PDB file of N, CA and C in Angstrom:
ATOM      1  N   UNK A   1      90.888 122.715  81.059  1.00  0.00           N
ATOM      2  CA  UNK A   1      92.129 122.770  81.798  1.00  0.00           C
ATOM      3  C   UNK A   1      91.826 122.947  83.288  1.00  0.00           C
ATOM      4  N   UNK A   2      92.500 122.189  84.126  1.00  0.00           N
ATOM      5  CA  UNK A   2      92.263 122.278  85.561  1.00  0.00           C
ATOM      6  C   UNK A   2      93.141 123.364  86.168  1.00  0.00           C
ATOM      7  N   UNK A   3      92.616 123.992  87.190  1.00  0.00           N
ATOM      8  CA  UNK A   3      93.358 125.062  87.859  1.00  0.00           C
ATOM      9  C   UNK A   3      94.432 124.465  88.762  1.00  0.00           C
ATOM     10  N   UNK A   4      95.359 125.307  89.166  1.00  0.00           N
ATOM     11  CA  UNK A   4      96.416 124.881  90.076  1.00  0.00           C
ATOM     12  C   UNK A   4      95.808 124.365  91.374  1.00  0.00           C
ATOM     13  N   UNK A   5      94.813 125.045  91.897  1.00  0.00           N
ATOM     14  CA  UNK A   5      94.166 124.627  93.142  1.00  0.00           C
ATOM     15  C   UNK A   5      93.530 123.245  92.998  1.00  0.00           C
ATOM     16  N   UNK A   6      92.881 122.988  91.877  1.00  0.00           N
ATOM     17  CA  UNK A   6      92.268 121.672  91.643  1.00  0.00           C
ATOM     18  C   UNK A   6      93.334 120.586  91.566  1.00  0.00           C
ATOM     19  N   UNK A   7      94.456 120.896  90.918  1.00  0.00           N
ATOM     20  CA  UNK A   7      95.553 119.915  90.832  1.00  0.00           C
ATOM     21  C   UNK A   7      96.156 119.653  92.204  1.00  0.00           C
ATOM     22  N   UNK A   8      96.298 120.696  93.017  1.00  0.00           N
ATOM     23  CA  UNK A   8      96.836 120.523  94.372  1.00  0.00           C
ATOM     24  C   UNK A   8      95.896 119.686  95.231  1.00  0.00           C
ATOM     25  N   UNK A   9      94.604 119.914  95.109  1.00  0.00           N
ATOM     26  CA  UNK A   9      93.628 119.126  95.859  1.00  0.00           C
ATOM     27  C   UNK A   9      93.673 117.660  95.427  1.00  0.00           C
ATOM     28  N   UNK A  10      93.769 117.418  94.137  1.00  0.00           N
ATOM     29  CA  UNK A  10      93.854 116.046  93.631  1.00  0.00           C
ATOM     30  C   UNK A  10      95.127 115.377  94.131  1.00  0.00           C
ATOM     31  N   UNK A  11      96.225 116.127  94.160  1.00  0.00           N
ATOM     32  CA  UNK A  11      97.501 115.592  94.654  1.00  0.00           C
ATOM     33  C   UNK A  11      97.385 115.231  96.133  1.00  0.00           C
ATOM     34  N   UNK A  12      96.782 116.094  96.922  1.00  0.00           N
ATOM     35  CA  UNK A  12      96.616 115.816  98.351  1.00  0.00           C
ATOM     36  C   UNK A  12      95.751 114.583  98.563  1.00  0.00           C
ATOM     37  N   UNK A  13      94.667 114.487  97.833  1.00  0.00           N
ATOM     38  CA  UNK A  13      93.780 113.321  97.943  1.00  0.00           C
ATOM     39  C   UNK A  13      94.548 112.035  97.596  1.00  0.00           C
ATOM     40  N   UNK A  14      95.348 112.093  96.545  1.00  0.00           N
ATOM     41  CA  UNK A  14      96.128 110.922  96.141  1.00  0.00           C
ATOM     42  C   UNK A  14      97.182 110.578  97.189  1.00  0.00           C
ATOM     43  N   UNK A  15      97.891 111.592  97.691  1.00  0.00           N
ATOM     44  CA  UNK A  15      98.905 111.329  98.724  1.00  0.00           C
ATOM     45  C   UNK A  15      98.285 110.696  99.958  1.00  0.00           C
ATOM     46  N   UNK A  16      97.123 111.171 100.358  1.00  0.00           N
ATOM     47  CA  UNK A  16      96.437 110.577 101.509  1.00  0.00           C
ATOM     48  C   UNK A  16      96.050 109.126 101.244  1.00  0.00           C
ATOM     49  N   UNK A  17      95.529 108.848 100.061  1.00  0.00           N
ATOM     50  CA  UNK A  17      95.085 107.483  99.773  1.00  0.00           C
ATOM     51  C   UNK A  17      96.267 106.522  99.658  1.00  0.00           C
ATOM     52  N   UNK A  18      97.339 106.959  99.046  1.00  0.00           N
ATOM     53  CA  UNK A  18      98.529 106.101  98.941  1.00  0.00           C
ATOM     54  C   UNK A  18      99.137 105.872 100.321  1.00  0.00           C
ATOM     55  N   UNK A  19      99.224 106.928 101.124  1.00  0.00           N
ATOM     56  CA  UNK A  19      99.742 106.785 102.485  1.00  0.00           C
ATOM     57  C   UNK A  19      98.896 105.799 103.284  1.00  0.00           C
ATOM     58  N   UNK A  20      97.590 105.884 103.139  1.00  0.00           N
ATOM     59  CA  UNK A  20      96.691 104.986 103.860  1.00  0.00           C
ATOM     60  C   UNK A  20      96.948 103.531 103.487  1.00  0.00           C
ATOM     61  N   UNK A  21      97.056 103.267 102.213  1.00  0.00           N
ATOM     62  CA  UNK A  21      97.270 101.886 101.765  1.00  0.00           C
ATOM     63  C   UNK A  21      98.653 101.394 102.178  1.00  0.00           C
ATOM     64  N   UNK A  22      99.659 102.232 102.060  1.00  0.00           N
ATOM     65  CA  UNK A  22     101.006 101.832 102.491  1.00  0.00           C
ATOM     66  C   UNK A  22     100.996 101.454 103.970  1.00  0.00           C
ATOM     67  N   UNK A  23     100.348 102.266 104.791  1.00  0.00           N
ATOM     68  CA  UNK A  23     100.283 101.960 106.223  1.00  0.00           C
ATOM     69  C   UNK A  23      99.459 100.708 106.494  1.00  0.00           C
ATOM     70  N   UNK A  24      98.379 100.532 105.779  1.00  0.00           N
ATOM     71  CA  UNK A  24      97.558  99.335 105.968  1.00  0.00           C
ATOM     72  C   UNK A  24      98.353  98.078 105.633  1.00  0.00           C
ATOM     73  N   UNK A  25      99.093  98.133 104.533  1.00  0.00           N
ATOM     74  CA  UNK A  25      99.889  96.976 104.115  1.00  0.00           C
ATOM     75  C   UNK A  25     101.043  96.724 105.081  1.00  0.00           C
ATOM     76  N   UNK A  26     101.730  97.775 105.487  1.00  0.00           N
ATOM     77  CA  UNK A  26     102.942  97.600 106.290  1.00  0.00           C
ATOM     78  C   UNK A  26     102.697  97.512 107.794  1.00  0.00           C
ATOM     79  N   UNK A  27     101.616  98.147 108.300  1.00  0.00           N
ATOM     80  CA  UNK A  27     101.392  98.193 109.741  1.00  0.00           C
ATOM     81  C   UNK A  27     100.033  97.654 110.182  1.00  0.00           C
ATOM     82  N   UNK A  28      99.232  97.196 109.237  1.00  0.00           N
ATOM     83  CA  UNK A  28      97.933  96.634 109.574  1.00  0.00           C
ATOM     84  C   UNK A  28      96.901  97.692 109.902  1.00  0.00           C
ATOM     85  N   UNK A  29      95.727  97.230 110.246  1.00  0.00           N
ATOM     86  CA  UNK A  29      94.598  98.115 110.523  1.00  0.00           C
ATOM     87  C   UNK A  29      94.914  99.063 111.681  1.00  0.00           C
ATOM     88  N   UNK A  30      95.540  98.537 112.727  1.00  0.00           N
ATOM     89  CA  UNK A  30      95.839  99.355 113.900  1.00  0.00           C
ATOM     90  C   UNK A  30      96.824 100.478 113.585  1.00  0.00           C
ATOM     91  N   UNK A  31      97.736 100.243 112.645  1.00  0.00           N
ATOM     92  CA  UNK A  31      98.740 101.245 112.309  1.00  0.00           C
ATOM     93  C   UNK A  31      98.272 102.280 111.308  1.00  0.00           C
ATOM     94  N   UNK A  32      97.149 102.020 110.658  1.00  0.00           N
ATOM     95  CA  UNK A  32      96.638 102.934 109.630  1.00  0.00           C
ATOM     96  C   UNK A  32      95.599 103.874 110.236  1.00  0.00           C
ATOM     97  N   UNK A  33      96.030 104.620 111.242  1.00  0.00           N
ATOM     98  CA  UNK A  33      95.142 105.588 111.882  1.00  0.00           C
ATOM     99  C   UNK A  33      95.094 106.869 111.051  1.00  0.00           C
ATOM    100  N   UNK A  34      94.091 107.683 111.310  1.00  0.00           N
ATOM    101  CA  UNK A  34      93.994 108.960 110.604  1.00  0.00           C
ATOM    102  C   UNK A  34      95.250 109.794 110.862  1.00  0.00           C
ATOM    103  N   UNK A  35      95.705 109.826 112.101  1.00  0.00           N
ATOM    104  CA  UNK A  35      96.899 110.606 112.438  1.00  0.00           C
ATOM    105  C   UNK A  35      98.129 110.097 111.675  1.00  0.00           C
ATOM    106  N   UNK A  36      98.293 108.785 111.613  1.00  0.00           N
ATOM    107  CA  UNK A  36      99.448 108.211 110.910  1.00  0.00           C
ATOM    108  C   UNK A  36      99.348 108.454 109.409  1.00  0.00           C
ATOM    109  N   UNK A  37      98.162 108.333 108.864  1.00  0.00           N
ATOM    110  CA  UNK A  37      97.957 108.573 107.433  1.00  0.00           C
ATOM    111  C   UNK A  37      98.298 110.019 107.099  1.00  0.00           C
ATOM    112  N   UNK A  38      97.761 110.942 107.897  1.00  0.00           N
ATOM    113  CA  UNK A  38      98.017 112.367 107.658  1.00  0.00           C
ATOM    114  C   UNK A  38      99.506 112.670 107.760  1.00  0.00           C
ATOM    115  N   UNK A  39     100.159 112.132 108.781  1.00  0.00           N
ATOM    116  CA  UNK A  39     101.592 112.374 108.952  1.00  0.00           C
ATOM    117  C   UNK A  39     102.387 111.852 107.760  1.00  0.00           C
ATOM    118  N   UNK A  40     102.088 110.648 107.338  1.00  0.00           N
ATOM    119  CA  UNK A  40     102.814 110.058 106.207  1.00  0.00           C
ATOM    120  C   UNK A  40     102.578 110.850 104.924  1.00  0.00           C
ATOM    121  N   UNK A  41     101.394 111.422 104.773  1.00  0.00           N
ATOM    122  CA  UNK A  41     101.071 112.212 103.584  1.00  0.00           C
ATOM    123  C   UNK A  41     101.596 113.646 103.689  1.00  0.00           C
ATOM    124  N   UNK A  42     102.065 114.024 104.880  1.00  0.00           N
ATOM    125  CA  UNK A  42     102.612 115.358 105.070  1.00  0.00           C
ATOM    126  C   UNK A  42     101.564 116.440 105.256  1.00  0.00           C
ATOM    127  N   UNK A  43     100.417 116.054 105.842  1.00  0.00           N
ATOM    128  CA  UNK A  43      99.345 117.024 106.091  1.00  0.00           C
ATOM    129  C   UNK A  43      98.856 116.863 107.528  1.00  0.00           C
ATOM    130  N   UNK A  44      98.004 117.759 107.960  1.00  0.00           N
ATOM    131  CA  UNK A  44      97.420 117.672 109.296  1.00  0.00           C
ATOM    132  C   UNK A  44      96.191 116.759 109.283  1.00  0.00           C
ATOM    133  N   UNK A  45      95.776 116.358 110.472  1.00  0.00           N
ATOM    134  CA  UNK A  45      94.556 115.546 110.557  1.00  0.00           C
ATOM    135  C   UNK A  45      93.345 116.388 110.136  1.00  0.00           C
ATOM    136  N   UNK A  46      93.414 117.676 110.351  1.00  0.00           N
ATOM    137  CA  UNK A  46      92.324 118.554 109.909  1.00  0.00           C
ATOM    138  C   UNK A  46      92.213 118.526 108.381  1.00  0.00           C
ATOM    139  N   UNK A  47      93.354 118.527 107.712  1.00  0.00           N
ATOM    140  CA  UNK A  47      93.337 118.425 106.252  1.00  0.00           C
ATOM    141  C   UNK A  47      92.735 117.097 105.832  1.00  0.00           C
ATOM    142  N   UNK A  48      93.123 116.016 106.523  1.00  0.00           N
ATOM    143  CA  UNK A  48      92.523 114.709 106.232  1.00  0.00           C
ATOM    144  C   UNK A  48      91.008 114.822 106.300  1.00  0.00           C
ATOM    145  N   UNK A  49      90.508 115.439 107.382  1.00  0.00           N
ATOM    146  CA  UNK A  49      89.061 115.566 107.581  1.00  0.00           C
ATOM    147  C   UNK A  49      88.397 116.412 106.501  1.00  0.00           C
ATOM    148  N   UNK A  50      89.146 117.334 105.901  1.00  0.00           N
ATOM    149  CA  UNK A  50      88.596 118.138 104.806  1.00  0.00           C
ATOM    150  C   UNK A  50      88.376 117.301 103.544  1.00  0.00           C
ATOM    151  N   UNK A  51      89.122 116.221 103.410  1.00  0.00           N
ATOM    152  CA  UNK A  51      89.041 115.389 102.212  1.00  0.00           C
ATOM    153  C   UNK A  51      88.215 114.125 102.403  1.00  0.00           C
ATOM    154  N   UNK A  52      88.251 113.554 103.596  1.00  0.00           N
ATOM    155  CA  UNK A  52      87.573 112.290 103.843  1.00  0.00           C
ATOM    156  C   UNK A  52      86.843 112.344 105.186  1.00  0.00           C
ATOM    157  N   UNK A  53      85.594 111.902 105.198  1.00  0.00           N
ATOM    158  CA  UNK A  53      84.785 111.928 106.421  1.00  0.00           C
ATOM    159  C   UNK A  53      85.209 110.848 107.408  1.00  0.00           C
ATOM    160  N   UNK A  54      85.617 109.693 106.863  1.00  0.00           N
ATOM    161  CA  UNK A  54      86.008 108.552 107.702  1.00  0.00           C
ATOM    162  C   UNK A  54      87.268 107.928 107.146  1.00  0.00           C
ATOM    163  N   UNK A  55      87.952 107.195 107.978  1.00  0.00           N
ATOM    164  CA  UNK A  55      89.174 106.513 107.544  1.00  0.00           C
ATOM    165  C   UNK A  55      88.871 105.550 106.406  1.00  0.00           C
ATOM    166  N   UNK A  56      87.750 104.868 106.460  1.00  0.00           N
ATOM    167  CA  UNK A  56      87.393 103.907 105.426  1.00  0.00           C
ATOM    168  C   UNK A  56      87.259 104.571 104.055  1.00  0.00           C
ATOM    169  N   UNK A  57      86.841 105.820 104.049  1.00  0.00           N
ATOM    170  CA  UNK A  57      86.649 106.537 102.783  1.00  0.00           C
ATOM    171  C   UNK A  57      87.934 106.708 101.997  1.00  0.00           C
ATOM    172  N   UNK A  58      89.038 106.877 102.702  1.00  0.00           N
ATOM    173  CA  UNK A  58      90.313 107.050 102.008  1.00  0.00           C
ATOM    174  C   UNK A  58      90.717 105.749 101.307  1.00  0.00           C
ATOM    175  N   UNK A  59      90.411 104.615 101.915  1.00  0.00           N
ATOM    176  CA  UNK A  59      90.710 103.330 101.284  1.00  0.00           C
ATOM    177  C   UNK A  59      89.807 103.091 100.074  1.00  0.00           C
ATOM    178  N   UNK A  60      88.534 103.434 100.221  1.00  0.00           N
ATOM    179  CA  UNK A  60      87.604 103.288  99.100  1.00  0.00           C
ATOM    180  C   UNK A  60      88.005 104.186  97.930  1.00  0.00           C
ATOM    181  N   UNK A  61      88.478 105.376  98.231  1.00  0.00           N
ATOM    182  CA  UNK A  61      88.950 106.277  97.185  1.00  0.00           C
ATOM    183  C   UNK A  61      90.110 105.631  96.417  1.00  0.00           C
ATOM    184  N   UNK A  62      91.051 105.053  97.162  1.00  0.00           N
ATOM    185  CA  UNK A  62      92.199 104.394  96.529  1.00  0.00           C
ATOM    186  C   UNK A  62      91.724 103.271  95.608  1.00  0.00           C
ATOM    187  N   UNK A  63      90.813 102.451  96.088  1.00  0.00           N
ATOM    188  CA  UNK A  63      90.316 101.325  95.293  1.00  0.00           C
ATOM    189  C   UNK A  63      89.616 101.831  94.031  1.00  0.00           C
ATOM    190  N   UNK A  64      88.764 102.849  94.174  1.00  0.00           N
ATOM    191  CA  UNK A  64      88.066 103.399  93.001  1.00  0.00           C
ATOM    192  C   UNK A  64      89.062 103.931  91.967  1.00  0.00           C
ATOM    193  N   UNK A  65      90.066 104.637  92.438  1.00  0.00           N
ATOM    194  CA  UNK A  65      91.069 105.193  91.526  1.00  0.00           C
ATOM    195  C   UNK A  65      91.866 104.080  90.845  1.00  0.00           C
ATOM    196  N   UNK A  66      92.201 103.033  91.581  1.00  0.00           N
ATOM    197  CA  UNK A  66      92.934 101.907  90.993  1.00  0.00           C
ATOM    198  C   UNK A  66      92.114 101.219  89.931  1.00  0.00           C
ATOM    199  N   UNK A  67      90.858 100.953  90.239  1.00  0.00           N
ATOM    200  CA  UNK A  67      89.988 100.272  89.281  1.00  0.00           C
ATOM    201  C   UNK A  67      89.832 101.133  88.024  1.00  0.00           C
ATOM    202  N   UNK A  68      89.668 102.433  88.201  1.00  0.00           N
ATOM    203  CA  UNK A  68      89.553 103.337  87.044  1.00  0.00           C
ATOM    204  C   UNK A  68      90.829 103.317  86.221  1.00  0.00           C
ATOM    205  N   UNK A  69      91.983 103.292  86.884  1.00  0.00           N
ATOM    206  CA  UNK A  69      93.266 103.247  86.170  1.00  0.00           C
ATOM    207  C   UNK A  69      93.406 101.921  85.420  1.00  0.00           C
ATOM    208  N   UNK A  70      93.015 100.814  86.055  1.00  0.00           N
ATOM    209  CA  UNK A  70      93.077  99.514  85.390  1.00  0.00           C
ATOM    210  C   UNK A  70      92.178  99.505  84.160  1.00  0.00           C
ATOM    211  N   UNK A  71      90.986 100.040  84.290  1.00  0.00           N
ATOM    212  CA  UNK A  71      90.057 100.092  83.157  1.00  0.00           C
ATOM    213  C   UNK A  71      90.660 100.909  82.015  1.00  0.00           C
ATOM    214  N   UNK A  72      91.323 101.987  82.349  1.00  0.00           N
ATOM    215  CA  UNK A  72      91.964 102.821  81.326  1.00  0.00           C
ATOM    216  C   UNK A  72      93.095 102.053  80.635  1.00  0.00           C
ATOM    217  N   UNK A  73      93.838 101.261  81.398  1.00  0.00           N
ATOM    218  CA  UNK A  73      94.903 100.441  80.817  1.00  0.00           C
ATOM    219  C   UNK A  73      94.320  99.460  79.795  1.00  0.00           C
ATOM    220  N   UNK A  74      93.202  98.860  80.147  1.00  0.00           N
ATOM    221  CA  UNK A  74      92.544  97.905  79.241  1.00  0.00           C
ATOM    222  C   UNK A  74      92.047  98.628  77.997  1.00  0.00           C
ATOM    223  N   UNK A  75      91.390  99.768  78.184  1.00  0.00           N
ATOM    224  CA  UNK A  75      90.848 100.532  77.058  1.00  0.00           C
ATOM    225  C   UNK A  75      91.939 101.034  76.117  1.00  0.00           C
ATOM    226  N   UNK A  76      93.089 101.409  76.672  1.00  0.00           N
ATOM    227  CA  UNK A  76      94.159 101.999  75.868  1.00  0.00           C
ATOM    228  C   UNK A  76      95.107 100.968  75.259  1.00  0.00           C
ATOM    229  N   UNK A  77      94.945  99.710  75.630  1.00  0.00           N
ATOM    230  CA  UNK A  77      95.814  98.668  75.077  1.00  0.00           C
ATOM    231  C   UNK A  77      95.479  98.467  73.605  1.00  0.00           C
ATOM    232  N   UNK A  78      96.495  98.176  72.811  1.00  0.00           N
ATOM    233  CA  UNK A  78      96.222  97.881  71.398  1.00  0.00           C
ATOM    234  C   UNK A  78      95.199  96.743  71.287  1.00  0.00           C
ATOM    235  N   UNK A  79      94.323  96.839  70.320  1.00  0.00           N
ATOM    236  CA  UNK A  79      93.227  95.872  70.199  1.00  0.00           C
ATOM    237  C   UNK A  79      93.705  94.443  69.975  1.00  0.00           C
ATOM    238  N   UNK A  80      94.922  94.294  69.487  1.00  0.00           N
ATOM    239  CA  UNK A  80      95.422  92.936  69.253  1.00  0.00           C
ATOM    240  C   UNK A  80      96.174  92.358  70.452  1.00  0.00           C
ATOM    241  N   UNK A  81      96.223  93.091  71.570  1.00  0.00           N
ATOM    242  CA  UNK A  81      96.896  92.597  72.767  1.00  0.00           C
ATOM    243  C   UNK A  81      95.981  91.617  73.492  1.00  0.00           C
ATOM    244  N   UNK A  82      96.473  90.410  73.762  1.00  0.00           N
ATOM    245  CA  UNK A  82      95.636  89.442  74.476  1.00  0.00           C
ATOM    246  C   UNK A  82      95.251  89.963  75.872  1.00  0.00           C
ATOM    247  N   UNK A  83      94.034  89.674  76.276  1.00  0.00           N
ATOM    248  CA  UNK A  83      93.524  90.145  77.568  1.00  0.00           C
ATOM    249  C   UNK A  83      94.409  89.699  78.726  1.00  0.00           C
ATOM    250  N   UNK A  84      94.906  88.464  78.687  1.00  0.00           N
ATOM    251  CA  UNK A  84      95.758  87.980  79.776  1.00  0.00           C
ATOM    252  C   UNK A  84      97.086  88.735  79.835  1.00  0.00           C
ATOM    253  N   UNK A  85      97.589  89.193  78.724  1.00  0.00           N
ATOM    254  CA  UNK A  85      98.829  89.979  78.711  1.00  0.00           C
ATOM    255  C   UNK A  85      98.591  91.335  79.392  1.00  0.00           C
ATOM    256  N   UNK A  86      97.448  91.924  79.109  1.00  0.00           N
ATOM    257  CA  UNK A  86      97.093  93.199  79.749  1.00  0.00           C
ATOM    258  C   UNK A  86      96.954  92.990  81.254  1.00  0.00           C
ATOM    259  N   UNK A  87      96.204  91.959  81.638  1.00  0.00           N
ATOM    260  CA  UNK A  87      96.002  91.652  83.048  1.00  0.00           C
ATOM    261  C   UNK A  87      97.336  91.360  83.741  1.00  0.00           C
ATOM    262  N   UNK A  88      98.206  90.635  83.081  1.00  0.00           N
ATOM    263  CA  UNK A  88      99.525  90.333  83.639  1.00  0.00           C
ATOM    264  C   UNK A  88     100.280  91.615  83.958  1.00  0.00           C
ATOM    265  N   UNK A  89     100.282  92.554  83.048  1.00  0.00           N
ATOM    266  CA  UNK A  89     100.974  93.821  83.268  1.00  0.00           C
ATOM    267  C   UNK A  89     100.386  94.608  84.429  1.00  0.00           C
ATOM    268  N   UNK A  90      99.073  94.638  84.505  1.00  0.00           N
ATOM    269  CA  UNK A  90      98.392  95.365  85.584  1.00  0.00           C
ATOM    270  C   UNK A  90      98.718  94.735  86.939  1.00  0.00           C
ATOM    271  N   UNK A  91      98.597  93.425  87.042  1.00  0.00           N
ATOM    272  CA  UNK A  91      98.840  92.741  88.310  1.00  0.00           C
ATOM    273  C   UNK A  91     100.314  92.769  88.697  1.00  0.00           C
ATOM    274  N   UNK A  92     101.200  92.667  87.731  1.00  0.00           N
ATOM    275  CA  UNK A  92     102.635  92.729  88.018  1.00  0.00           C
ATOM    276  C   UNK A  92     102.998  94.084  88.612  1.00  0.00           C
ATOM    277  N   UNK A  93     102.446  95.149  88.040  1.00  0.00           N
ATOM    278  CA  UNK A  93     102.726  96.494  88.549  1.00  0.00           C
ATOM    279  C   UNK A  93     102.180  96.647  89.963  1.00  0.00           C
ATOM    280  N   UNK A  94     100.969  96.169  90.219  1.00  0.00           N
ATOM    281  CA  UNK A  94     100.364  96.269  91.544  1.00  0.00           C
ATOM    282  C   UNK A  94     101.162  95.455  92.561  1.00  0.00           C
ATOM    283  N   UNK A  95     101.571  94.266  92.199  1.00  0.00           N
ATOM    284  CA  UNK A  95     102.340  93.402  93.089  1.00  0.00           C
ATOM    285  C   UNK A  95     103.688  94.023  93.416  1.00  0.00           C
ATOM    286  N   UNK A  96     104.334  94.596  92.424  1.00  0.00           N
ATOM    287  CA  UNK A  96     105.638  95.229  92.631  1.00  0.00           C
ATOM    288  C   UNK A  96     105.513  96.384  93.611  1.00  0.00           C
ATOM    289  N   UNK A  97     104.448  97.182  93.467  1.00  0.00           N
ATOM    290  CA  UNK A  97     104.248  98.308  94.373  1.00  0.00           C
ATOM    291  C   UNK A  97     104.041  97.836  95.811  1.00  0.00           C
ATOM    292  N   UNK A  98     103.256  96.794  96.000  1.00  0.00           N
ATOM    293  CA  UNK A  98     103.016  96.263  97.343  1.00  0.00           C
ATOM    294  C   UNK A  98     104.315  95.727  97.928  1.00  0.00           C
ATOM    295  N   UNK A  99     105.099  95.020  97.157  1.00  0.00           N
ATOM    296  CA  UNK A  99     106.388  94.510  97.639  1.00  0.00           C
ATOM    297  C   UNK A  99     107.309  95.650  98.036  1.00  0.00           C
ATOM    298  N   UNK A 100     107.329  96.720  97.254  1.00  0.00           N
ATOM    299  CA  UNK A 100     108.167  97.877  97.581  1.00  0.00           C
ATOM    300  C   UNK A 100     107.741  98.502  98.900  1.00  0.00           C
ATOM    301  N   UNK A 101     106.443  98.594  99.145  1.00  0.00           N
ATOM    302  CA  UNK A 101     105.940  99.153 100.403  1.00  0.00           C
ATOM    303  C   UNK A 101     106.373  98.266 101.565  1.00  0.00           C
ATOM    304  N   UNK A 102     106.231  96.961 101.408  1.00  0.00           N
ATOM    305  CA  UNK A 102     106.634  96.038 102.459  1.00  0.00           C
ATOM    306  C   UNK A 102     108.128  96.139 102.732  1.00  0.00           C
ATOM    307  N   UNK A 103     108.914  96.284 101.703  1.00  0.00           N
ATOM    308  CA  UNK A 103     110.363  96.397 101.842  1.00  0.00           C
ATOM    309  C   UNK A 103     110.707  97.678 102.616  1.00  0.00           C
ATOM    310  N   UNK A 104     110.041  98.773 102.324  1.00  0.00           N
ATOM    311  CA  UNK A 104     110.275 100.031 103.014  1.00  0.00           C
ATOM    312  C   UNK A 104     109.913  99.892 104.487  1.00  0.00           C
ATOM    313  N   UNK A 105     108.845  99.195 104.769  1.00  0.00           N
ATOM    314  CA  UNK A 105     108.367  99.050 106.156  1.00  0.00           C
ATOM    315  C   UNK A 105     109.339  98.257 107.016  1.00  0.00           C
ATOM    316  N   UNK A 106     110.184  97.441 106.427  1.00  0.00           N
ATOM    317  CA  UNK A 106     111.133  96.635 107.185  1.00  0.00           C
ATOM    318  C   UNK A 106     112.221  97.483 107.802  1.00  0.00           C
ATOM    319  N   UNK A 107     112.448  98.650 107.294  1.00  0.00           N
ATOM    320  CA  UNK A 107     113.552  99.476 107.802  1.00  0.00           C
ATOM    321  C   UNK A 107     113.135 100.394 108.899  1.00  0.00           C
TER     322      UNK A 107
END
């Protein structure tokens, strides 16, 4: 069982990585600064630095977590589910999330 502190740290790491990707998608490389990422995640830049050494690290963390989640989706799918059906579900969910971020950025 994980402690409350460990869960809070994991939540902060996730919020930072999601904020980073949302800013990268909606505002480009120039808009995805450490300060903007921290602000969007609701933390200070010092907190960002406690979790990630460089801005690139937060993006790599997001990618690693996504790939791990996709692998889990494949592993947990019923054995009779066609691989393309699993892939379709994974990509549809990812595409929908990106579209939602872009839609939010328009306002």
